[in-house]
Amino acid sequence: MSVAARIREERERLGMTQTEFGQLCGVGLHAQQYYEYDKRHPNTKYLELAAAIGVDVQYVITGLRSPTAGEKVVGDVAGAV
C-alpha cells in the first residue's frame, strides 16, 4: 500500500472529508487530492499537523502502526514505549 493510500485510509478512519482533513493539515482541497492520488507528497508541516489531529504518521510513512501505550516494539525495530 502506498503513502497516498495510507493518507486516505487515515482520513477515512477519522471520518473526515478531503476538504476538512486538508484544512486541518494546512492545505487546500486540491493539495489533499494530490496527496491521496499520489501526484505529490506531503511535507513535514502537513505531517506534523496531521499527527496533531490523530493521524498515525508512522503508519502513513512506513506502513507500520505505532505501538499503543504500554506495548513493546519487537522484531527489527528496537526500543519500547
N, C-alpha and C. Protein backbone atom coordinates (compact mmCIF):
# COMPACT_ATOMS: atom_id res chain seq x y z
N MET A 1 0.85 -1.18 0.00
CA MET A 1 0.00 0.00 0.00
C MET A 1 0.90 1.24 0.00
N SER A 2 0.53 2.23 -0.75
CA SER A 2 1.32 3.46 -0.90
C SER A 2 1.04 4.46 0.22
N VAL A 3 1.92 5.44 0.33
CA VAL A 3 1.71 6.55 1.27
C VAL A 3 0.37 7.21 0.96
N ALA A 4 0.09 7.42 -0.31
CA ALA A 4 -1.18 8.05 -0.72
C ALA A 4 -2.38 7.27 -0.19
N ALA A 5 -2.35 5.97 -0.34
CA ALA A 5 -3.46 5.13 0.13
C ALA A 5 -3.58 5.17 1.65
N ARG A 6 -2.44 5.23 2.35
CA ARG A 6 -2.49 5.28 3.81
C ARG A 6 -2.99 6.63 4.30
N ILE A 7 -2.67 7.73 3.58
CA ILE A 7 -3.23 9.03 3.95
C ILE A 7 -4.75 8.98 3.85
N ARG A 8 -5.23 8.44 2.77
CA ARG A 8 -6.68 8.34 2.58
C ARG A 8 -7.31 7.45 3.66
N GLU A 9 -6.66 6.33 3.95
CA GLU A 9 -7.17 5.42 4.98
C GLU A 9 -7.27 6.12 6.34
N GLU A 10 -6.25 6.88 6.70
CA GLU A 10 -6.27 7.60 7.97
C GLU A 10 -7.35 8.67 7.97
N ARG A 11 -7.51 9.39 6.87
CA ARG A 11 -8.56 10.41 6.78
C ARG A 11 -9.93 9.77 6.96
N GLU A 12 -10.16 8.66 6.29
CA GLU A 12 -11.44 7.97 6.39
C GLU A 12 -11.66 7.41 7.80
N ARG A 13 -10.58 6.91 8.41
CA ARG A 13 -10.68 6.39 9.78
C ARG A 13 -11.13 7.49 10.74
N LEU A 14 -10.69 8.71 10.48
CA LEU A 14 -11.07 9.85 11.32
C LEU A 14 -12.42 10.44 10.92
N GLY A 15 -13.02 9.92 9.85
CA GLY A 15 -14.35 10.35 9.45
C GLY A 15 -14.41 11.74 8.85
N MET A 16 -13.38 12.12 8.13
CA MET A 16 -13.32 13.47 7.57
C MET A 16 -13.39 13.45 6.05
N THR A 17 -13.90 14.55 5.50
CA THR A 17 -13.85 14.75 4.05
C THR A 17 -12.44 15.19 3.68
N GLN A 18 -12.14 15.18 2.40
CA GLN A 18 -10.84 15.68 1.95
C GLN A 18 -10.67 17.15 2.31
N THR A 19 -11.74 17.91 2.16
CA THR A 19 -11.68 19.35 2.47
C THR A 19 -11.39 19.57 3.95
N GLU A 20 -12.13 18.89 4.82
CA GLU A 20 -11.93 19.05 6.27
C GLU A 20 -10.52 18.65 6.67
N PHE A 21 -10.10 17.50 6.21
CA PHE A 21 -8.79 16.97 6.58
C PHE A 21 -7.68 17.89 6.08
N GLY A 22 -7.79 18.30 4.81
CA GLY A 22 -6.78 19.19 4.24
C GLY A 22 -6.67 20.49 5.02
N GLN A 23 -7.81 21.08 5.37
CA GLN A 23 -7.79 22.34 6.12
C GLN A 23 -7.07 22.17 7.45
N LEU A 24 -7.35 21.08 8.15
CA LEU A 24 -6.72 20.84 9.44
C LEU A 24 -5.22 20.56 9.30
N CYS A 25 -4.82 20.11 8.11
CA CYS A 25 -3.41 19.83 7.86
C CYS A 25 -2.72 20.96 7.10
N GLY A 26 -3.43 22.08 6.94
CA GLY A 26 -2.82 23.27 6.37
C GLY A 26 -2.77 23.34 4.86
N VAL A 27 -3.60 22.55 4.17
CA VAL A 27 -3.61 22.59 2.71
C VAL A 27 -5.05 22.68 2.20
N GLY A 28 -5.19 23.05 0.95
CA GLY A 28 -6.50 23.12 0.32
C GLY A 28 -6.92 21.77 -0.25
N LEU A 29 -8.11 21.75 -0.80
CA LEU A 29 -8.68 20.52 -1.35
C LEU A 29 -7.79 19.91 -2.44
N HIS A 30 -7.31 20.72 -3.36
CA HIS A 30 -6.52 20.17 -4.46
C HIS A 30 -5.23 19.53 -3.97
N ALA A 31 -4.56 20.14 -3.03
CA ALA A 31 -3.34 19.55 -2.49
C ALA A 31 -3.66 18.22 -1.81
N GLN A 32 -4.75 18.18 -1.04
CA GLN A 32 -5.15 16.94 -0.38
C GLN A 32 -5.43 15.85 -1.42
N GLN A 33 -6.11 16.22 -2.48
CA GLN A 33 -6.39 15.24 -3.54
C GLN A 33 -5.09 14.76 -4.18
N TYR A 34 -4.16 15.66 -4.42
CA TYR A 34 -2.87 15.26 -5.00
C TYR A 34 -2.15 14.27 -4.09
N TYR A 35 -2.20 14.50 -2.78
CA TYR A 35 -1.57 13.57 -1.84
C TYR A 35 -2.23 12.20 -1.90
N GLU A 36 -3.54 12.18 -1.96
CA GLU A 36 -4.27 10.91 -1.97
C GLU A 36 -4.21 10.19 -3.31
N TYR A 37 -3.91 10.90 -4.37
CA TYR A 37 -3.79 10.29 -5.70
C TYR A 37 -2.34 10.07 -6.09
N ASP A 38 -1.43 10.27 -5.13
CA ASP A 38 0.00 10.02 -5.31
C ASP A 38 0.62 10.88 -6.40
N LYS A 39 0.12 12.10 -6.54
CA LYS A 39 0.67 13.04 -7.51
C LYS A 39 1.68 13.98 -6.85
N ARG A 40 1.57 14.14 -5.53
CA ARG A 40 2.51 14.94 -4.74
C ARG A 40 2.67 14.25 -3.39
N HIS A 41 3.73 14.63 -2.68
CA HIS A 41 3.98 14.07 -1.36
C HIS A 41 3.92 15.18 -0.32
N PRO A 42 3.33 14.90 0.83
CA PRO A 42 3.20 15.93 1.87
C PRO A 42 4.55 16.29 2.48
N ASN A 43 4.63 17.54 2.96
CA ASN A 43 5.84 17.98 3.64
C ASN A 43 5.72 17.71 5.14
N THR A 44 6.76 18.03 5.87
CA THR A 44 6.77 17.74 7.30
C THR A 44 5.74 18.55 8.08
N LYS A 45 5.46 19.78 7.66
CA LYS A 45 4.46 20.59 8.35
C LYS A 45 3.09 19.93 8.26
N TYR A 46 2.73 19.44 7.08
CA TYR A 46 1.48 18.71 6.88
C TYR A 46 1.41 17.51 7.83
N LEU A 47 2.49 16.73 7.86
CA LEU A 47 2.51 15.54 8.71
C LEU A 47 2.45 15.90 10.19
N GLU A 48 3.08 16.99 10.56
CA GLU A 48 3.03 17.47 11.95
C GLU A 48 1.59 17.82 12.34
N LEU A 49 0.91 18.55 11.47
CA LEU A 49 -0.49 18.91 11.74
C LEU A 49 -1.39 17.68 11.72
N ALA A 50 -1.09 16.74 10.83
CA ALA A 50 -1.87 15.51 10.77
C ALA A 50 -1.74 14.73 12.08
N ALA A 51 -0.53 14.65 12.60
CA ALA A 51 -0.31 13.96 13.88
C ALA A 51 -1.13 14.61 14.99
N ALA A 52 -1.23 15.93 14.95
CA ALA A 52 -1.96 16.65 15.99
C ALA A 52 -3.46 16.34 15.98
N ILE A 53 -4.00 15.88 14.85
CA ILE A 53 -5.43 15.54 14.80
C ILE A 53 -5.67 14.04 14.92
N GLY A 54 -4.61 13.28 15.22
CA GLY A 54 -4.79 11.86 15.48
C GLY A 54 -4.33 10.91 14.40
N VAL A 55 -3.67 11.41 13.37
CA VAL A 55 -3.16 10.55 12.32
C VAL A 55 -1.93 9.81 12.83
N ASP A 56 -1.85 8.53 12.55
CA ASP A 56 -0.66 7.74 12.88
C ASP A 56 0.36 7.98 11.76
N VAL A 57 1.21 8.98 11.96
CA VAL A 57 2.15 9.39 10.92
C VAL A 57 3.17 8.29 10.65
N GLN A 58 3.56 7.55 11.67
CA GLN A 58 4.48 6.44 11.43
C GLN A 58 3.86 5.47 10.44
N TYR A 59 2.59 5.18 10.59
CA TYR A 59 1.89 4.28 9.67
C TYR A 59 1.84 4.88 8.27
N VAL A 60 1.53 6.16 8.17
CA VAL A 60 1.46 6.80 6.85
C VAL A 60 2.79 6.67 6.13
N ILE A 61 3.89 6.88 6.83
CA ILE A 61 5.21 6.88 6.20
C ILE A 61 5.73 5.46 5.95
N THR A 62 5.58 4.59 6.93
CA THR A 62 6.23 3.27 6.85
C THR A 62 5.29 2.10 6.58
N GLY A 63 4.02 2.29 6.85
CA GLY A 63 3.09 1.16 6.74
C GLY A 63 3.01 0.33 8.01
N LEU A 64 3.75 0.74 9.04
CA LEU A 64 3.74 0.04 10.33
C LEU A 64 3.04 0.91 11.35
N ARG A 65 2.03 0.36 12.01
CA ARG A 65 1.29 1.11 13.03
C ARG A 65 2.18 1.40 14.22
N SER A 66 1.99 2.56 14.81
CA SER A 66 2.69 2.91 16.04
C SER A 66 2.14 2.06 17.17
N PRO A 67 3.00 1.61 18.07
CA PRO A 67 2.51 0.83 19.20
C PRO A 67 1.67 1.70 20.13
N THR A 68 0.70 1.09 20.76
CA THR A 68 -0.11 1.83 21.72
C THR A 68 0.64 1.89 23.04
N ALA A 69 0.22 2.77 23.91
CA ALA A 69 0.89 2.95 25.20
C ALA A 69 0.99 1.62 25.94
N GLY A 70 2.17 1.32 26.44
CA GLY A 70 2.37 0.12 27.22
C GLY A 70 2.81 -1.07 26.41
N GLU A 71 2.73 -1.00 25.08
CA GLU A 71 3.18 -2.11 24.26
C GLU A 71 4.64 -1.94 23.92
N LYS A 72 5.35 -3.04 23.88
CA LYS A 72 6.76 -3.01 23.48
C LYS A 72 6.85 -3.26 22.00
N VAL A 73 7.83 -2.61 21.38
CA VAL A 73 8.12 -2.85 19.97
C VAL A 73 9.10 -4.01 19.90
N VAL A 74 8.79 -5.01 19.10
CA VAL A 74 9.65 -6.18 18.99
C VAL A 74 10.05 -6.39 17.54
N GLY A 75 11.00 -7.29 17.34
CA GLY A 75 11.43 -7.58 15.98
C GLY A 75 12.62 -6.74 15.61
N ASP A 76 12.61 -6.25 14.37
CA ASP A 76 13.74 -5.49 13.84
C ASP A 76 13.78 -4.06 14.37
N VAL A 77 12.72 -3.61 14.99
CA VAL A 77 12.67 -2.24 15.50
C VAL A 77 13.02 -2.26 16.98
N ALA A 78 14.05 -1.53 17.37
CA ALA A 78 14.48 -1.52 18.77
C ALA A 78 13.72 -0.51 19.59
N GLY A 79 13.64 -0.78 20.89
CA GLY A 79 13.04 0.19 21.81
C GLY A 79 11.71 -0.27 22.36
N ALA A 80 11.25 0.45 23.32
CA ALA A 80 9.96 0.16 23.96
C ALA A 80 9.29 1.48 24.29
N VAL A 81 7.99 1.42 24.39
CA VAL A 81 7.22 2.62 24.71
C VAL A 81 7.09 2.72 26.20
